[in-house]
Amino acid sequence: QLAEQLAARLREVDGVAAVDVAGPGFLN
């Protein structure tokens, strides 16, 4: 759940094309 929240914010960072949540909470 925390990973999903952080992923949404990281996708707004300039230069970041994609952020995926994997497994128990890794951010790719």
PDB file of all heavy atoms in Angstrom:
ATOM      1  N   GLN A   1       0.842  -1.206   0.000  1.00  0.00           N
ATOM      2  CA  GLN A   1       0.000   0.000   0.000  1.00  0.00           C
ATOM      3  C   GLN A   1       0.877   1.257   0.000  1.00  0.00           C
ATOM      4  O   GLN A   1       0.609   2.220  -0.737  1.00  0.00           O
ATOM      5  CB  GLN A   1      -0.915   0.007   1.230  1.00  0.00           C
ATOM      6  CG  GLN A   1      -1.846   1.217   1.300  1.00  0.00           C
ATOM      7  CD  GLN A   1      -2.668   1.214   2.582  1.00  0.00           C
ATOM      8  OE1 GLN A   1      -2.859   0.172   3.216  1.00  0.00           O
ATOM      9  NE2 GLN A   1      -3.166   2.386   2.977  1.00  0.00           N
ATOM     10  N   LEU A   2       1.929   1.232   0.809  1.00  0.00           N
ATOM     11  CA  LEU A   2       2.855   2.367   0.826  1.00  0.00           C
ATOM     12  C   LEU A   2       3.558   2.511  -0.521  1.00  0.00           C
ATOM     13  O   LEU A   2       3.744   3.624  -1.031  1.00  0.00           O
ATOM     14  CB  LEU A   2       3.881   2.179   1.938  1.00  0.00           C
ATOM     15  CG  LEU A   2       4.972   3.256   2.056  1.00  0.00           C
ATOM     16  CD1 LEU A   2       4.372   4.649   2.215  1.00  0.00           C
ATOM     17  CD2 LEU A   2       5.919   2.939   3.213  1.00  0.00           C
ATOM     18  N   ALA A   3       3.919   1.361  -1.115  1.00  0.00           N
ATOM     19  CA  ALA A   3       4.594   1.387  -2.412  1.00  0.00           C
ATOM     20  C   ALA A   3       3.703   2.007  -3.482  1.00  0.00           C
ATOM     21  O   ALA A   3       4.171   2.798  -4.313  1.00  0.00           O
ATOM     22  CB  ALA A   3       4.993  -0.031  -2.816  1.00  0.00           C
ATOM     23  N   GLU A   4       2.435   1.674  -3.472  1.00  0.00           N
ATOM     24  CA  GLU A   4       1.507   2.247  -4.462  1.00  0.00           C
ATOM     25  C   GLU A   4       1.410   3.770  -4.299  1.00  0.00           C
ATOM     26  O   GLU A   4       1.380   4.513  -5.288  1.00  0.00           O
ATOM     27  CB  GLU A   4       0.110   1.615  -4.303  1.00  0.00           C
ATOM     28  CG  GLU A   4       0.023   0.139  -4.628  1.00  0.00           C
ATOM     29  CD  GLU A   4       0.083  -0.158  -6.131  1.00  0.00           C
ATOM     30  OE1 GLU A   4       0.203   0.804  -6.925  1.00  0.00           O
ATOM     31  OE2 GLU A   4       0.025  -1.351  -6.493  1.00  0.00           O
ATOM     32  N   GLN A   5       1.395   4.214  -3.048  1.00  0.00           N
ATOM     33  CA  GLN A   5       1.317   5.652  -2.796  1.00  0.00           C
ATOM     34  C   GLN A   5       2.569   6.368  -3.302  1.00  0.00           C
ATOM     35  O   GLN A   5       2.490   7.421  -3.937  1.00  0.00           O
ATOM     36  CB  GLN A   5       1.133   5.904  -1.297  1.00  0.00           C
ATOM     37  CG  GLN A   5       0.926   7.362  -0.945  1.00  0.00           C
ATOM     38  CD  GLN A   5       0.795   7.592   0.541  1.00  0.00           C
ATOM     39  OE1 GLN A   5       1.299   8.576   1.074  1.00  0.00           O
ATOM     40  NE2 GLN A   5       0.103   6.701   1.239  1.00  0.00           N
ATOM     41  N   LEU A   6       3.734   5.777  -3.029  1.00  0.00           N
ATOM     42  CA  LEU A   6       4.984   6.390  -3.467  1.00  0.00           C
ATOM     43  C   LEU A   6       5.129   6.323  -4.977  1.00  0.00           C
ATOM     44  O   LEU A   6       5.648   7.254  -5.606  1.00  0.00           O
ATOM     45  CB  LEU A   6       6.175   5.691  -2.798  1.00  0.00           C
ATOM     46  CG  LEU A   6       6.260   5.819  -1.279  1.00  0.00           C
ATOM     47  CD1 LEU A   6       7.447   5.027  -0.747  1.00  0.00           C
ATOM     48  CD2 LEU A   6       6.382   7.284  -0.870  1.00  0.00           C
ATOM     49  N   ALA A   7       4.663   5.215  -5.585  1.00  0.00           N
ATOM     50  CA  ALA A   7       4.755   5.068  -7.038  1.00  0.00           C
ATOM     51  C   ALA A   7       3.984   6.174  -7.747  1.00  0.00           C
ATOM     52  O   ALA A   7       4.459   6.747  -8.739  1.00  0.00           O
ATOM     53  CB  ALA A   7       4.231   3.698  -7.465  1.00  0.00           C
ATOM     54  N   ALA A   8       2.805   6.488  -7.235  1.00  0.00           N
ATOM     55  CA  ALA A   8       1.997   7.542  -7.855  1.00  0.00           C
ATOM     56  C   ALA A   8       2.730   8.881  -7.826  1.00  0.00           C
ATOM     57  O   ALA A   8       2.677   9.660  -8.792  1.00  0.00           O
ATOM     58  CB  ALA A   8       0.650   7.645  -7.128  1.00  0.00           C
ATOM     59  N   ARG A   9       3.414   9.155  -6.745  1.00  0.00           N
ATOM     60  CA  ARG A   9       4.152  10.419  -6.638  1.00  0.00           C
ATOM     61  C   ARG A   9       5.416  10.407  -7.512  1.00  0.00           C
ATOM     62  O   ARG A   9       5.767  11.421  -8.121  1.00  0.00           O
ATOM     63  CB  ARG A   9       4.512  10.685  -5.180  1.00  0.00           C
ATOM     64  CG  ARG A   9       3.304  10.994  -4.291  1.00  0.00           C
ATOM     65  CD  ARG A   9       3.710  11.117  -2.837  1.00  0.00           C
ATOM     66  NE  ARG A   9       2.577  11.426  -1.975  1.00  0.00           N
ATOM     67  CZ  ARG A   9       2.184  12.656  -1.653  1.00  0.00           C
ATOM     68  NH1 ARG A   9       2.848  13.701  -2.124  1.00  0.00           N
ATOM     69  NH2 ARG A   9       1.151  12.848  -0.859  1.00  0.00           N
ATOM     70  N   LEU A  10       6.104   9.260  -7.547  1.00  0.00           N
ATOM     71  CA  LEU A  10       7.344   9.175  -8.335  1.00  0.00           C
ATOM     72  C   LEU A  10       7.071   9.313  -9.828  1.00  0.00           C
ATOM     73  O   LEU A  10       7.921   9.811 -10.576  1.00  0.00           O
ATOM     74  CB  LEU A  10       8.049   7.841  -8.065  1.00  0.00           C
ATOM     75  CG  LEU A  10       8.878   7.748  -6.784  1.00  0.00           C
ATOM     76  CD1 LEU A  10       9.324   6.315  -6.544  1.00  0.00           C
ATOM     77  CD2 LEU A  10      10.103   8.659  -6.874  1.00  0.00           C
ATOM     78  N   ARG A  11       5.891   8.880 -10.278  1.00  0.00           N
ATOM     79  CA  ARG A  11       5.575   8.997 -11.708  1.00  0.00           C
ATOM     80  C   ARG A  11       5.497  10.455 -12.160  1.00  0.00           C
ATOM     81  O   ARG A  11       5.574  10.732 -13.362  1.00  0.00           O
ATOM     82  CB  ARG A  11       4.246   8.280 -12.008  1.00  0.00           C
ATOM     83  CG  ARG A  11       4.319   6.765 -11.825  1.00  0.00           C
ATOM     84  CD  ARG A  11       3.035   6.064 -12.224  1.00  0.00           C
ATOM     85  NE  ARG A  11       3.095   4.638 -11.870  1.00  0.00           N
ATOM     86  CZ  ARG A  11       2.369   4.076 -10.912  1.00  0.00           C
ATOM     87  NH1 ARG A  11       1.505   4.807 -10.204  1.00  0.00           N
ATOM     88  NH2 ARG A  11       2.502   2.779 -10.645  1.00  0.00           N
ATOM     89  N   GLU A  12       5.354  11.358 -11.202  1.00  0.00           N
ATOM     90  CA  GLU A  12       5.279  12.783 -11.536  1.00  0.00           C
ATOM     91  C   GLU A  12       6.660  13.444 -11.606  1.00  0.00           C
ATOM     92  O   GLU A  12       6.776  14.611 -11.978  1.00  0.00           O
ATOM     93  CB  GLU A  12       4.427  13.518 -10.490  1.00  0.00           C
ATOM     94  CG  GLU A  12       3.019  12.977 -10.322  1.00  0.00           C
ATOM     95  CD  GLU A  12       2.236  13.061 -11.625  1.00  0.00           C
ATOM     96  OE1 GLU A  12       2.306  14.111 -12.292  1.00  0.00           O
ATOM     97  OE2 GLU A  12       1.587  12.046 -11.984  1.00  0.00           O
ATOM     98  N   VAL A  13       7.698  12.700 -11.244  1.00  0.00           N
ATOM     99  CA  VAL A  13       9.054  13.259 -11.249  1.00  0.00           C
ATOM    100  C   VAL A  13       9.575  13.344 -12.673  1.00  0.00           C
ATOM    101  O   VAL A  13       9.452  12.398 -13.451  1.00  0.00           O
ATOM    102  CB  VAL A  13       9.999  12.384 -10.387  1.00  0.00           C
ATOM    103  CG1 VAL A  13      11.443  12.867 -10.508  1.00  0.00           C
ATOM    104  CG2 VAL A  13       9.544  12.413  -8.927  1.00  0.00           C
ATOM    105  N   ASP A  14      10.145  14.483 -13.045  1.00  0.00           N
ATOM    106  CA  ASP A  14      10.704  14.663 -14.379  1.00  0.00           C
ATOM    107  C   ASP A  14      11.765  13.609 -14.646  1.00  0.00           C
ATOM    108  O   ASP A  14      12.652  13.387 -13.823  1.00  0.00           O
ATOM    109  CB  ASP A  14      11.340  16.047 -14.519  1.00  0.00           C
ATOM    110  CG  ASP A  14      10.304  17.169 -14.591  1.00  0.00           C
ATOM    111  OD1 ASP A  14       9.129  16.853 -14.866  1.00  0.00           O
ATOM    112  OD2 ASP A  14      10.678  18.330 -14.366  1.00  0.00           O
ATOM    113  N   GLY A  15      11.669  12.966 -15.800  1.00  0.00           N
ATOM    114  CA  GLY A  15      12.651  11.972 -16.198  1.00  0.00           C
ATOM    115  C   GLY A  15      12.243  10.559 -15.875  1.00  0.00           C
ATOM    116  O   GLY A  15      12.866   9.613 -16.365  1.00  0.00           O
ATOM    117  N   VAL A  16      11.215  10.380 -15.064  1.00  0.00           N
ATOM    118  CA  VAL A  16      10.729   9.034 -14.727  1.00  0.00           C
ATOM    119  C   VAL A  16       9.642   8.650 -15.722  1.00  0.00           C
ATOM    120  O   VAL A  16       8.616   9.327 -15.839  1.00  0.00           O
ATOM    121  CB  VAL A  16      10.191   8.979 -13.288  1.00  0.00           C
ATOM    122  CG1 VAL A  16       9.543   7.621 -13.015  1.00  0.00           C
ATOM    123  CG2 VAL A  16      11.316   9.240 -12.294  1.00  0.00           C
ATOM    124  N   ALA A  17       9.883   7.561 -16.471  1.00  0.00           N
ATOM    125  CA  ALA A  17       8.927   7.128 -17.485  1.00  0.00           C
ATOM    126  C   ALA A  17       7.860   6.212 -16.901  1.00  0.00           C
ATOM    127  O   ALA A  17       6.689   6.276 -17.307  1.00  0.00           O
ATOM    128  CB  ALA A  17       9.652   6.416 -18.624  1.00  0.00           C
ATOM    129  N   ALA A  18       8.246   5.366 -15.949  1.00  0.00           N
ATOM    130  CA  ALA A  18       7.280   4.415 -15.380  1.00  0.00           C
ATOM    131  C   ALA A  18       7.772   3.950 -14.020  1.00  0.00           C
ATOM    132  O   ALA A  18       8.978   3.888 -13.764  1.00  0.00           O
ATOM    133  CB  ALA A  18       7.085   3.228 -16.307  1.00  0.00           C
ATOM    134  N   VAL A  19       6.819   3.629 -13.146  1.00  0.00           N
ATOM    135  CA  VAL A  19       7.127   3.045 -11.840  1.00  0.00           C
ATOM    136  C   VAL A  19       6.161   1.892 -11.622  1.00  0.00           C
ATOM    137  O   VAL A  19       4.942   2.077 -11.666  1.00  0.00           O
ATOM    138  CB  VAL A  19       6.983   4.062 -10.694  1.00  0.00           C
ATOM    139  CG1 VAL A  19       7.369   3.418  -9.374  1.00  0.00           C
ATOM    140  CG2 VAL A  19       7.819   5.300 -10.946  1.00  0.00           C
ATOM    141  N   ASP A  20       6.679   0.693 -11.407  1.00  0.00           N
ATOM    142  CA  ASP A  20       5.852  -0.483 -11.178  1.00  0.00           C
ATOM    143  C   ASP A  20       6.074  -0.996  -9.766  1.00  0.00           C
ATOM    144  O   ASP A  20       7.199  -0.955  -9.249  1.00  0.00           O
ATOM    145  CB  ASP A  20       6.200  -1.593 -12.176  1.00  0.00           C
ATOM    146  CG  ASP A  20       5.931  -1.172 -13.615  1.00  0.00           C
ATOM    147  OD1 ASP A  20       4.860  -0.591 -13.863  1.00  0.00           O
ATOM    148  OD2 ASP A  20       6.807  -1.412 -14.472  1.00  0.00           O
ATOM    149  N   VAL A  21       5.017  -1.488  -9.154  1.00  0.00           N
ATOM    150  CA  VAL A  21       5.114  -2.104  -7.833  1.00  0.00           C
ATOM    151  C   VAL A  21       5.203  -3.609  -8.044  1.00  0.00           C
ATOM    152  O   VAL A  21       4.381  -4.205  -8.734  1.00  0.00           O
ATOM    153  CB  VAL A  21       3.896  -1.755  -6.965  1.00  0.00           C
ATOM    154  CG1 VAL A  21       3.990  -2.454  -5.618  1.00  0.00           C
ATOM    155  CG2 VAL A  21       3.792  -0.248  -6.782  1.00  0.00           C
ATOM    156  N   ALA A  22       6.218  -4.219  -7.441  1.00  0.00           N
ATOM    157  CA  ALA A  22       6.439  -5.655  -7.632  1.00  0.00           C
ATOM    158  C   ALA A  22       6.510  -6.358  -6.293  1.00  0.00           C
ATOM    159  O   ALA A  22       6.958  -5.793  -5.291  1.00  0.00           O
ATOM    160  CB  ALA A  22       7.740  -5.884  -8.404  1.00  0.00           C
ATOM    161  N   GLY A  23       6.074  -7.623  -6.293  1.00  0.00           N
ATOM    162  CA  GLY A  23       6.193  -8.457  -5.099  1.00  0.00           C
ATOM    163  C   GLY A  23       5.535  -7.829  -3.884  1.00  0.00           C
ATOM    164  O   GLY A  23       4.461  -7.232  -3.974  1.00  0.00           O
ATOM    165  N   PRO A  24       6.191  -7.919  -2.733  1.00  0.00           N
ATOM    166  CA  PRO A  24       5.585  -7.420  -1.492  1.00  0.00           C
ATOM    167  C   PRO A  24       5.619  -5.891  -1.371  1.00  0.00           C
ATOM    168  O   PRO A  24       5.062  -5.343  -0.435  1.00  0.00           O
ATOM    169  CB  PRO A  24       6.455  -8.064  -0.412  1.00  0.00           C
ATOM    170  CG  PRO A  24       7.789  -8.254  -1.063  1.00  0.00           C
ATOM    171  CD  PRO A  24       7.493  -8.574  -2.493  1.00  0.00           C
ATOM    172  N   GLY A  25       6.304  -5.204  -2.324  1.00  0.00           N
ATOM    173  CA  GLY A  25       6.350  -3.750  -2.231  1.00  0.00           C
ATOM    174  C   GLY A  25       7.593  -3.107  -2.812  1.00  0.00           C
ATOM    175  O   GLY A  25       7.949  -1.978  -2.460  1.00  0.00           O
ATOM    176  N   PHE A  26       8.280  -3.816  -3.706  1.00  0.00           N
ATOM    177  CA  PHE A  26       9.433  -3.223  -4.380  1.00  0.00           C
ATOM    178  C   PHE A  26       8.952  -2.221  -5.426  1.00  0.00           C
ATOM    179  O   PHE A  26       7.905  -2.428  -6.064  1.00  0.00           O
ATOM    180  CB  PHE A  26      10.283  -4.296  -5.061  1.00  0.00           C
ATOM    181  CG  PHE A  26      10.989  -5.204  -4.102  1.00  0.00           C
ATOM    182  CD1 PHE A  26      10.489  -6.465  -3.811  1.00  0.00           C
ATOM    183  CD2 PHE A  26      12.163  -4.799  -3.479  1.00  0.00           C
ATOM    184  CE1 PHE A  26      11.140  -7.309  -2.922  1.00  0.00           C
ATOM    185  CE2 PHE A  26      12.827  -5.634  -2.587  1.00  0.00           C
ATOM    186  CZ  PHE A  26      12.301  -6.884  -2.301  1.00  0.00           C
ATOM    187  N   LEU A  27       9.722  -1.176  -5.624  1.00  0.00           N
ATOM    188  CA  LEU A  27       9.426  -0.189  -6.652  1.00  0.00           C
ATOM    189  C   LEU A  27      10.451  -0.334  -7.770  1.00  0.00           C
ATOM    190  O   LEU A  27      11.658  -0.174  -7.538  1.00  0.00           O
ATOM    191  CB  LEU A  27       9.484   1.230  -6.081  1.00  0.00           C
ATOM    192  CG  LEU A  27       8.381   1.606  -5.091  1.00  0.00           C
ATOM    193  CD1 LEU A  27       8.696   2.937  -4.422  1.00  0.00           C
ATOM    194  CD2 LEU A  27       7.036   1.678  -5.802  1.00  0.00           C
ATOM    195  N   ASN A  28      10.002  -0.653  -8.976  1.00  0.00           N
ATOM    196  CA  ASN A  28      10.866  -0.740 -10.146  1.00  0.00           C
ATOM    197  C   ASN A  28      10.668   0.524 -10.985  1.00  0.00           C
ATOM    198  O   ASN A  28       9.553   0.821 -11.416  1.00  0.00           O
ATOM    199  CB  ASN A  28      10.543  -1.981 -10.973  1.00  0.00           C
ATOM    200  CG  ASN A  28      10.912  -3.255 -10.241  1.00  0.00           C
ATOM    201  OD1 ASN A  28      11.850  -3.266  -9.440  1.00  0.00           O
ATOM    202  ND2 ASN A  28      10.188  -4.327 -10.502  1.00  0.00           N
TER     203      ASN A  28
END
